[in-house]
Each structure stands twice: as structure tokens, then as C-alpha cells.
C-alpha atoms as a PDB file:
ATOM      1  CA  MET A   1     106.438 166.465  58.645  1.00  0.00           C
ATOM      2  CA  LYS A   2     108.835 164.929  61.138  1.00  0.00           C
ATOM      3  CA  SER A   3     106.298 165.526  63.902  1.00  0.00           C
ATOM      4  CA  ILE A   4     103.508 163.891  61.910  1.00  0.00           C
ATOM      5  CA  PHE A   5     105.755 160.920  61.062  1.00  0.00           C
ATOM      6  CA  ALA A   6     106.700 160.497  64.727  1.00  0.00           C
ATOM      7  CA  CYS A   7     103.051 160.532  65.768  1.00  0.00           C
ATOM      8  CA  LEU A   8     102.202 157.905  63.168  1.00  0.00           C
ATOM      9  CA  CYS A   9     105.068 155.703  64.418  1.00  0.00           C
ATOM     10  CA  LEU A  10     103.864 156.019  68.003  1.00  0.00           C
ATOM     11  CA  LEU A  11     100.314 155.235  66.938  1.00  0.00           C
ATOM     12  CA  GLY A  12     101.469 152.132  65.045  1.00  0.00           C
ATOM     13  CA  THR A  13     103.450 150.965  68.048  1.00  0.00           C
ATOM     14  CA  ALA A  14     100.434 151.430  70.310  1.00  0.00           C
ATOM     15  CA  VAL A  15      98.194 149.518  67.922  1.00  0.00           C
ATOM     16  CA  TYR A  16     100.752 146.690  67.707  1.00  0.00           C
ATOM     17  CA  ALA A  17     101.086 146.550  71.491  1.00  0.00           C
ATOM     18  CA  GLN A  18      97.315 146.518  71.823  1.00  0.00           C
ATOM     19  CA  GLU A  19      97.103 143.597  69.402  1.00  0.00           C
ATOM     20  CA  GLU A  20      99.824 141.722  71.356  1.00  0.00           C
ATOM     21  CA  PHE A  21      97.977 142.136  74.659  1.00  0.00           C
ATOM     22  CA  ASP A  22      94.864 140.032  74.391  1.00  0.00           C
ATOM     23  CA  PRO A  23      93.616 138.880  77.829  1.00  0.00           C
ATOM     24  CA  THR A  24      91.225 136.348  76.283  1.00  0.00           C
ATOM     25  CA  GLY A  25      93.489 134.964  73.535  1.00  0.00           C
ATOM     26  CA  GLU A  26      96.139 132.277  73.244  1.00  0.00           C
ATOM     27  CA  LEU A  27      98.917 134.582  74.445  1.00  0.00           C
ATOM     28  CA  ALA A  28      97.128 135.191  77.743  1.00  0.00           C
ATOM     29  CA  GLU A  29      96.212 131.503  77.987  1.00  0.00           C
ATOM     30  CA  ALA A  30      99.884 130.591  78.326  1.00  0.00           C
ATOM     31  CA  TYR A  31     100.273 132.814  81.381  1.00  0.00           C
ATOM     32  CA  LEU A  32      97.226 131.611  83.293  1.00  0.00           C
ATOM     33  CA  PRO A  33      98.062 129.889  86.599  1.00  0.00           C
ATOM     34  CA  LYS A  34      98.070 126.086  86.727  1.00  0.00           C
ATOM     35  CA  VAL A  35      97.279 123.481  89.361  1.00  0.00           C
ATOM     36  CA  ILE A  36      98.182 119.781  89.446  1.00  0.00           C
ATOM     37  CA  GLN A  37      95.599 117.046  90.002  1.00  0.00           C
ATOM     38  CA  MET A  38      97.150 113.879  91.442  1.00  0.00           C
ATOM     39  CA  GLN A  39      95.122 110.676  91.194  1.00  0.00           C
ATOM     40  CA  VAL A  40      95.989 107.330  92.834  1.00  0.00           C
ATOM     41  CA  GLU A  41      94.095 104.077  92.155  1.00  0.00           C
ATOM     42  CA  TYR A  42      94.305 100.691  93.886  1.00  0.00           C
ATOM     43  CA  ILE A  43      93.190  97.812  91.632  1.00  0.00           C
ATOM     44  CA  GLU A  44      93.081  94.281  93.054  1.00  0.00           C
ATOM     45  CA  VAL A  45      93.710  91.266  90.810  1.00  0.00           C
ATOM     46  CA  PRO A  46      94.888  87.665  91.314  1.00  0.00           C
ATOM     47  CA  GLN A  47      98.636  87.120  91.601  1.00  0.00           C
ATOM     48  CA  ALA A  48      98.694  85.075  88.383  1.00  0.00           C
ATOM     49  CA  THR A  49      97.069  87.950  86.490  1.00  0.00           C
ATOM     50  CA  VAL A  50      99.763  90.388  87.626  1.00  0.00           C
ATOM     51  CA  LEU A  51     102.497  88.045  86.420  1.00  0.00           C
ATOM     52  CA  GLU A  52     100.778  87.706  83.047  1.00  0.00           C
ATOM     53  CA  LEU A  53     100.281  91.461  82.645  1.00  0.00           C
ATOM     54  CA  MET A  54     103.855  92.281  83.689  1.00  0.00           C
ATOM     55  CA  TYR A  55     105.481  89.583  81.552  1.00  0.00           C
ATOM     56  CA  GLY A  56     107.925  90.867  78.948  1.00  0.00           C
ATOM     57  CA  GLU A  57     110.316  93.777  78.614  1.00  0.00           C
ATOM     58  CA  LYS A  58     109.171  97.191  79.782  1.00  0.00           C
ATOM     59  CA  LYS A  59     110.609  99.963  77.624  1.00  0.00           C
ATOM     60  CA  SER A  60     108.690 102.987  78.933  1.00  0.00           C
ATOM     61  CA  ALA A  61     107.364 104.401  82.193  1.00  0.00           C
ATOM     62  CA  ASP A  62     104.009 104.984  80.473  1.00  0.00           C
ATOM     63  CA  ASP A  63     101.532 102.374  81.734  1.00  0.00           C
ATOM     64  CA  SER A  64      98.399 103.742  80.063  1.00  0.00           C
ATOM     65  CA  LYS A  65      97.956 100.575  77.943  1.00  0.00           C
ATOM     66  CA  LEU A  66      98.241  98.429  81.061  1.00  0.00           C
ATOM     67  CA  ARG A  67      95.658 100.594  82.806  1.00  0.00           C
ATOM     68  CA  ALA A  68      93.344 100.240  79.773  1.00  0.00           C
ATOM     69  CA  GLU A  69      93.597  96.438  80.018  1.00  0.00           C
ATOM     70  CA  LEU A  70      92.687  96.588  83.677  1.00  0.00           C
ATOM     71  CA  GLN A  71      89.722  98.825  82.855  1.00  0.00           C
ATOM     72  CA  LYS A  72      88.343  96.038  80.666  1.00  0.00           C
ATOM     73  CA  MET A  73      88.886  93.572  83.495  1.00  0.00           C
ATOM     74  CA  LEU A  74      87.045  95.886  85.897  1.00  0.00           C
ATOM     75  CA  LYS A  75      84.026  95.938  83.577  1.00  0.00           C
ATOM     76  CA  GLU A  76      84.144  92.143  83.244  1.00  0.00           C
ATOM     77  CA  GLY A  77      84.373  91.631  87.010  1.00  0.00           C
ATOM     78  CA  LYS A  78      87.871  90.118  86.817  1.00  0.00           C
ATOM     79  CA  ALA A  79      89.416  92.960  88.840  1.00  0.00           C
ATOM     80  CA  THR A  80      88.257  95.108  91.748  1.00  0.00           C
ATOM     81  CA  MET A  81      88.778  98.816  92.387  1.00  0.00           C
ATOM     82  CA  MET A  82      89.799  98.722  96.041  1.00  0.00           C
ATOM     83  CA  GLU A  83      90.240 102.477  96.548  1.00  0.00           C
ATOM     84  CA  SER A  84      90.840 105.692  94.631  1.00  0.00           C
ATOM     85  CA  GLN A  85      92.275 108.968  95.928  1.00  0.00           C
ATOM     86  CA  MET A  86      92.588 112.410  94.370  1.00  0.00           C
ATOM     87  CA  VAL A  87      93.947 115.761  95.518  1.00  0.00           C
ATOM     88  CA  VAL A  88      94.699 119.041  93.722  1.00  0.00           C
ATOM     89  CA  SER A  89      97.577 121.327  94.672  1.00  0.00           C
ATOM     90  CA  ARG A  90      99.829 124.026  93.305  1.00  0.00           C
ATOM     91  CA  SER A  91     103.296 123.186  92.058  1.00  0.00           C
ATOM     92  CA  GLY A  92     105.826 122.890  94.883  1.00  0.00           C
ATOM     93  CA  GLU A  93     103.207 122.775  97.659  1.00  0.00           C
ATOM     94  CA  LYS A  94     102.331 119.781  99.828  1.00  0.00           C
ATOM     95  CA  ALA A  95      98.695 118.611  99.882  1.00  0.00           C
ATOM     96  CA  THR A  96      96.935 115.960 101.968  1.00  0.00           C
ATOM     97  CA  SER A  97      93.601 114.191 101.509  1.00  0.00           C
ATOM     98  CA  GLU A  98      92.137 112.010 104.283  1.00  0.00           C
ATOM     99  CA  SER A  99      89.125 109.719 104.605  1.00  0.00           C
ATOM    100  CA  ILE A 100      89.695 108.376 108.091  1.00  0.00           C
ATOM    101  CA  ARG A 101      88.366 107.408 111.477  1.00  0.00           C
ATOM    102  CA  GLU A 102      90.570 108.409 114.418  1.00  0.00           C
ATOM    103  CA  TYR A 103      91.191 105.306 116.531  1.00  0.00           C
ATOM    104  CA  ILE A 104      92.452 106.173 120.034  1.00  0.00           C
ATOM    105  CA  TYR A 105      93.950 103.391 122.143  1.00  0.00           C
ATOM    106  CA  PRO A 106      96.064 103.147 125.349  1.00  0.00           C
ATOM    107  CA  THR A 107      99.770 102.371 125.030  1.00  0.00           C
ATOM    108  CA  GLU A 108     100.932 102.507 128.677  1.00  0.00           C
ATOM    109  CA  TYR A 109      99.314 101.188 131.848  1.00  0.00           C
ATOM    110  CA  GLU A 110      99.803 101.518 135.580  1.00  0.00           C
ATOM    111  CA  PRO A 111      99.923  97.949 136.947  1.00  0.00           C
ATOM    112  CA  SER A 112      97.203  96.571 139.187  1.00  0.00           C
ATOM    113  CA  GLU A 113      97.737  97.207 142.899  1.00  0.00           C
ATOM    114  CA  VAL A 114      96.551  95.767 146.221  1.00  0.00           C
ATOM    115  CA  PRO A 115      96.295  98.242 149.156  1.00  0.00           C
ATOM    116  CA  ASN A 116      99.031  97.886 151.798  1.00  0.00           C
ATOM    117  CA  LYS A 117      96.629  98.346 154.714  1.00  0.00           C
ATOM    118  CA  VAL A 118      93.031  97.191 154.661  1.00  0.00           C
ATOM    119  CA  ASP A 119      90.201  96.648 157.112  1.00  0.00           C
ATOM    120  CA  ALA A 120      88.135  93.982 155.438  1.00  0.00           C
ATOM    121  CA  ASN A 121      86.226  92.732 158.529  1.00  0.00           C
ATOM    122  CA  GLY A 122      87.996  89.430 158.631  1.00  0.00           C
ATOM    123  CA  GLU A 123      88.518  89.142 154.852  1.00  0.00           C
ATOM    124  CA  GLU A 124      92.204  90.072 154.921  1.00  0.00           C
ATOM    125  CA  THR A 125      93.479  87.322 152.624  1.00  0.00           C
ATOM    126  CA  GLY A 126      92.556  85.506 149.396  1.00  0.00           C
ATOM    127  CA  GLU A 127      89.623  86.739 147.369  1.00  0.00           C
ATOM    128  CA  GLY A 128      88.845  89.412 149.942  1.00  0.00           C
ATOM    129  CA  LEU A 129      92.031  91.322 149.112  1.00  0.00           C
ATOM    130  CA  ARG A 130      91.613  90.744 145.374  1.00  0.00           C
ATOM    131  CA  SER A 131      88.226  92.433 145.465  1.00  0.00           C
ATOM    132  CA  LEU A 132      89.944  95.542 146.850  1.00  0.00           C
ATOM    133  CA  ALA A 133      92.694  95.633 144.193  1.00  0.00           C
ATOM    134  CA  THR A 134      92.673  98.301 141.497  1.00  0.00           C
ATOM    135  CA  PRO A 135      92.846  97.034 137.891  1.00  0.00           C
ATOM    136  CA  PRO A 136      95.494  98.146 135.333  1.00  0.00           C
ATOM    137  CA  THR A 137      94.916 101.829 134.551  1.00  0.00           C
ATOM    138  CA  PRO A 138      95.717 103.425 131.145  1.00  0.00           C
ATOM    139  CA  THR A 139      98.113 106.386 131.466  1.00  0.00           C
ATOM    140  CA  ALA A 140      99.159 107.158 127.863  1.00  0.00           C
ATOM    141  CA  PHE A 141      97.279 107.049 124.559  1.00  0.00           C
ATOM    142  CA  GLU A 142      97.996 107.185 120.831  1.00  0.00           C
ATOM    143  CA  THR A 143      95.816 107.930 117.813  1.00  0.00           C
ATOM    144  CA  ARG A 144      95.919 105.919 114.586  1.00  0.00           C
ATOM    145  CA  ASN A 145      94.069 107.021 111.472  1.00  0.00           C
ATOM    146  CA  LEU A 146      92.001 104.178 109.984  1.00  0.00           C
ATOM    147  CA  GLY A 147      91.065 104.552 106.326  1.00  0.00           C
ATOM    148  CA  SER A 148      92.877 106.222 103.420  1.00  0.00           C
ATOM    149  CA  THR A 149      95.404 109.049 103.424  1.00  0.00           C
ATOM    150  CA  LEU A 150      97.132 110.642 100.437  1.00  0.00           C
ATOM    151  CA  GLU A 151     100.021 113.104 100.796  1.00  0.00           C
ATOM    152  CA  VAL A 152     101.646 114.588  97.675  1.00  0.00           C
ATOM    153  CA  GLU A 153     104.144 117.290  96.783  1.00  0.00           C
ATOM    154  CA  PRO A 154     104.242 117.773  92.981  1.00  0.00           C
ATOM    155  CA  ILE A 155     106.613 120.058  91.054  1.00  0.00           C
ATOM    156  CA  LEU A 156     105.721 120.937  87.462  1.00  0.00           C
ATOM    157  CA  SER A 157     108.581 121.142  84.955  1.00  0.00           C
ATOM    158  CA  GLU A 158     109.197 124.306  82.936  1.00  0.00           C
ATOM    159  CA  ASP A 159     107.922 122.703  79.741  1.00  0.00           C
ATOM    160  CA  GLY A 160     104.696 121.653  81.517  1.00  0.00           C
ATOM    161  CA  PHE A 161     104.873 118.040  80.317  1.00  0.00           C
ATOM    162  CA  THR A 162     106.386 116.239  83.319  1.00  0.00           C
ATOM    163  CA  VAL A 163     105.802 116.330  87.077  1.00  0.00           C
ATOM    164  CA  ASP A 164     108.282 115.401  89.795  1.00  0.00           C
ATOM    165  CA  VAL A 165     106.207 114.181  92.702  1.00  0.00           C
ATOM    166  CA  ARG A 166     106.910 112.944  96.201  1.00  0.00           C
ATOM    167  CA  PHE A 167     103.885 111.044  97.445  1.00  0.00           C
ATOM    168  CA  ALA A 168     102.934 108.845 100.386  1.00  0.00           C
ATOM    169  CA  PRO A 169      99.554 107.091 100.024  1.00  0.00           C
ATOM    170  CA  GLU A 170      98.388 104.855 102.869  1.00  0.00           C
ATOM    171  CA  LEU A 171      95.503 102.479 103.625  1.00  0.00           C
ATOM    172  CA  VAL A 172      95.029 101.290 107.229  1.00  0.00           C
ATOM    173  CA  TRP A 173      92.623  98.711 108.716  1.00  0.00           C
ATOM    174  CA  HIS A 174      91.995  97.738 112.338  1.00  0.00           C
ATOM    175  CA  VAL A 175      92.136  93.940 112.236  1.00  0.00           C
ATOM    176  CA  LYS A 176      91.551  92.947 115.867  1.00  0.00           C
ATOM    177  CA  ASN A 177      92.644  93.467 119.482  1.00  0.00           C
ATOM    178  CA  GLU A 178      95.115  91.145 121.178  1.00  0.00           C
ATOM    179  CA  VAL A 179      94.882  90.525 124.939  1.00  0.00           C
ATOM    180  CA  TRP A 180      98.228  90.955 126.697  1.00  0.00           C
ATOM    181  CA  ALA A 181      96.961  90.555 130.256  1.00  0.00           C
ATOM    182  CA  GLU A 182      93.596  89.530 131.678  1.00  0.00           C
ATOM    183  CA  TRP A 183      91.801  91.230 134.561  1.00  0.00           C
ATOM    184  CA  ARG A 184      88.277  90.503 135.717  1.00  0.00           C
ATOM    185  CA  ASP A 185      86.571  91.373 138.982  1.00  0.00           C
ATOM    186  CA  ASP A 186      83.099  92.107 140.285  1.00  0.00           C
ATOM    187  CA  ARG A 187      83.257  95.530 138.643  1.00  0.00           C
ATOM    188  CA  GLY A 188      83.766  94.139 135.164  1.00  0.00           C
ATOM    189  CA  ASN A 189      86.508  93.380 132.601  1.00  0.00           C
ATOM    190  CA  ALA A 190      89.728  95.436 132.483  1.00  0.00           C
ATOM    191  CA  ASP A 191      91.936  93.322 130.208  1.00  0.00           C
ATOM    192  CA  ILE A 192      95.013  94.975 128.696  1.00  0.00           C
ATOM    193  CA  LYS A 193      94.398  94.927 124.928  1.00  0.00           C
ATOM    194  CA  MET A 194      96.527  96.207 122.071  1.00  0.00           C
ATOM    195  CA  PRO A 195      95.179  96.765 118.537  1.00  0.00           C
ATOM    196  CA  VAL A 196      96.514  94.963 115.472  1.00  0.00           C
ATOM    197  CA  MET A 197      96.635  97.111 112.320  1.00  0.00           C
ATOM    198  CA  TYR A 198      97.131  96.158 108.683  1.00  0.00           C
ATOM    199  CA  THR A 199      98.751  98.833 106.531  1.00  0.00           C
ATOM    200  CA  MET A 200      99.381  99.251 102.815  1.00  0.00           C
ATOM    201  CA  ARG A 201     101.825 102.140 102.494  1.00  0.00           C
ATOM    202  CA  VAL A 202     104.095 103.625  99.812  1.00  0.00           C
ATOM    203  CA  ASN A 203     106.603 106.441 100.233  1.00  0.00           C
ATOM    204  CA  THR A 204     108.512 107.282  97.066  1.00  0.00           C
ATOM    205  CA  GLY A 205     109.264 109.861  94.402  1.00  0.00           C
ATOM    206  CA  LEU A 206     108.490 109.659  90.683  1.00  0.00           C
ATOM    207  CA  THR A 207     108.825 111.661  87.498  1.00  0.00           C
ATOM    208  CA  VAL A 208     105.599 111.207  85.539  1.00  0.00           C
ATOM    209  CA  THR A 209     104.310 112.441  82.209  1.00  0.00           C
ATOM    210  CA  THR A 210     101.153 114.518  82.545  1.00  0.00           C
ATOM    211  CA  GLY A 211      97.932 112.814  81.515  1.00  0.00           C
ATOM    212  CA  ARG A 212      99.397 109.289  81.534  1.00  0.00           C
ATOM    213  CA  TYR A 213      99.129 106.413  83.993  1.00  0.00           C
ATOM    214  CA  HIS A 214     102.194 105.078  85.802  1.00  0.00           C
ATOM    215  CA  LEU A 215     102.367 101.865  87.834  1.00  0.00           C
ATOM    216  CA  ALA A 216     103.965 102.902  91.133  1.00  0.00           C
ATOM    217  CA  CYS A 217     104.022  99.551  92.963  1.00  0.00           C
ATOM    218  CA  THR A 218     102.226  96.299  93.743  1.00  0.00           C
ATOM    219  CA  MET A 219     101.221  95.256  97.258  1.00  0.00           C
ATOM    220  CA  SER A 220      99.578  92.299  98.981  1.00  0.00           C
ATOM    221  CA  PRO A 221      96.150  92.900 100.556  1.00  0.00           C
ATOM    222  CA  LYS A 222      95.149  91.337 103.852  1.00  0.00           C
ATOM    223  CA  ASP A 223      93.342  88.018 104.190  1.00  0.00           C
ATOM    224  CA  LYS A 224      90.380  87.351 106.504  1.00  0.00           C
ATOM    225  CA  ASP A 225      92.745  86.916 109.478  1.00  0.00           C
ATOM    226  CA  GLY A 226      94.671  90.130 108.867  1.00  0.00           C
ATOM    227  CA  PHE A 227      97.808  88.605 107.311  1.00  0.00           C
ATOM    228  CA  PRO A 228      99.272  89.369 103.840  1.00  0.00           C
ATOM    229  CA  ASP A 229      97.554  87.307 101.153  1.00  0.00           C
ATOM    230  CA  PRO A 230     100.169  86.238  98.535  1.00  0.00           C
ATOM    231  CA  THR A 231      97.494  84.934  96.137  1.00  0.00           C
ATOM    232  CA  ARG A 232      96.193  88.473  95.457  1.00  0.00           C
ATOM    233  CA  LYS A 233      97.916  91.695  94.489  1.00  0.00           C
ATOM    234  CA  VAL A 234      96.954  95.360  94.498  1.00  0.00           C
ATOM    235  CA  MET A 235      98.376  97.393  91.609  1.00  0.00           C
ATOM    236  CA  MET A 236      98.718 101.082  92.444  1.00  0.00           C
ATOM    237  CA  PHE A 237      98.550 103.557  89.554  1.00  0.00           C
ATOM    238  CA  VAL A 238      99.441 107.261  89.649  1.00  0.00           C
ATOM    239  CA  LYS A 239      98.334 109.951  87.195  1.00  0.00           C
ATOM    240  CA  ALA A 240      99.083 113.677  87.154  1.00  0.00           C
ATOM    241  CA  ASP A 241      96.955 116.146  85.185  1.00  0.00           C
ATOM    242  CA  VAL A 242      97.828 119.817  84.743  1.00  0.00           C
ATOM    243  CA  LEU A 243      94.726 122.010  84.952  1.00  0.00           C
ATOM    244  CA  LYS A 244      94.636 125.654  83.870  1.00  0.00           C
ATOM    245  CA  VAL A 245      92.774 128.147  86.024  1.00  0.00           C
ATOM    246  CA  LYS A 246      90.297 129.780  83.638  1.00  0.00           C
ATOM    247  CA  ARG A 247      89.068 133.368  83.862  1.00  0.00           C
END
């Protein structure tokens, strides 16, 4: 009898364990791996509109209602979506998304030079020597990424409801080239030019609630001449969504 009772107990335990382990049920759902989707939006509005929207006491970091108001303005043409960025990563890992053009430009030059000894058939002075001079020669270069870049490093909390994120979004435009020194000869134009860039950049850390919008900052866009335009503002929103990896 004791042997039969022991077998029945073992069988009941096995059945109970089998019921507990359900790879397609809610218990297994809790242990599925998760990834974090980070979304950044740049919405441009007039300066007066920002002041009106931000007026009053702010009691919460949740800006979902503010984002909903801006969505209405986008549909009515009163606001403009300047740019949106999105990248997915695992918790604790850095991720980068780029939509860029690599702009390569010289940063150092060898100065122009006239030969010490020349045989110019009687043209040893004035324009004769200038025609033999070598123009400024680039010797070092740098690369600047034009366009949008998003770098994030999110960390999901144990309860799964908040995300600590370090992020550095950036928008870069090439405005124009400025001439620092002019050089023209019969072989062409070799002016020394340096590019002028306009950048909208944020580098900060936030704790955000998953699934909700958060206003990270406001910035001034560039005007037609490449200077900050104080009459317009760009409101940058951040949203983190936790996505479960399904079977």
C-alpha cells in the first residue's frame, strides 16, 4: 500500500509540474525576452505656440497629452514634423541609427610656394613667377556626417514599466563654405574654403515610463542664412516601448 501511495504522490507531482510548465501560456509569456524601441520626434512650431503650450505648472513627466495636442496641430497644418528617428535595442546595449551623407573636407593646408630658382626665359619677376607658384595644398581631412543620427543606451527596470536611457540625437546641415584665402591662376581656382555646419544636438539621460511621450528639450532651427531662428522652436519628444519577442 505504501508503494502504491508513493507512486500516486509522484504521479500527482508530475501532473502538477506539467500543468505549471506551459510554453505557450501566460507563465511562459513572462519569461520571453524583451527589446526596447526608442522613438524620437522633432516637431516644429512657432515660438508663441510653445509658450502657450508650456504655460502653467507641470506636475508629471508624462507629456502624452501635449503630444496629442501637437498631433491635432500637425493635421491642421499648424505644426511640422521635421524629423523622426527610431531604433530597437536590448536592455543595457548601445544602438545607433544613421541617415547621413559623409562630407569630407580639408582642415590643414601647405601654403603656396614660389620656386627658389627658376629659368623663365626672361620672365623672372612679377606675373612670370606667380604663374610658376604652387597653390595651397590640402594635407589633412576630416569627415562630418550630414543628416540625422540617433544613439541610445536604454536599461529596462525590473518591474518593466520604466526605462533609464542615455541618448544623443543629432541633426546636422551643411549651410555654406566660407573662403579664408583666395588663390586663382591659369590652372583654375584653389581658394581655401571651410564649411559652415548647423547642428541640433542633445546629449542627456532620462527615466521614462514605457508607452508614454516625454518632452526632452526644445531647440531653435536654422533660418535661411544658417543662423538660429528665435521665432521658431523644435520640440523633441522621446518614447520608449517594450516589445516582447514572440515564439
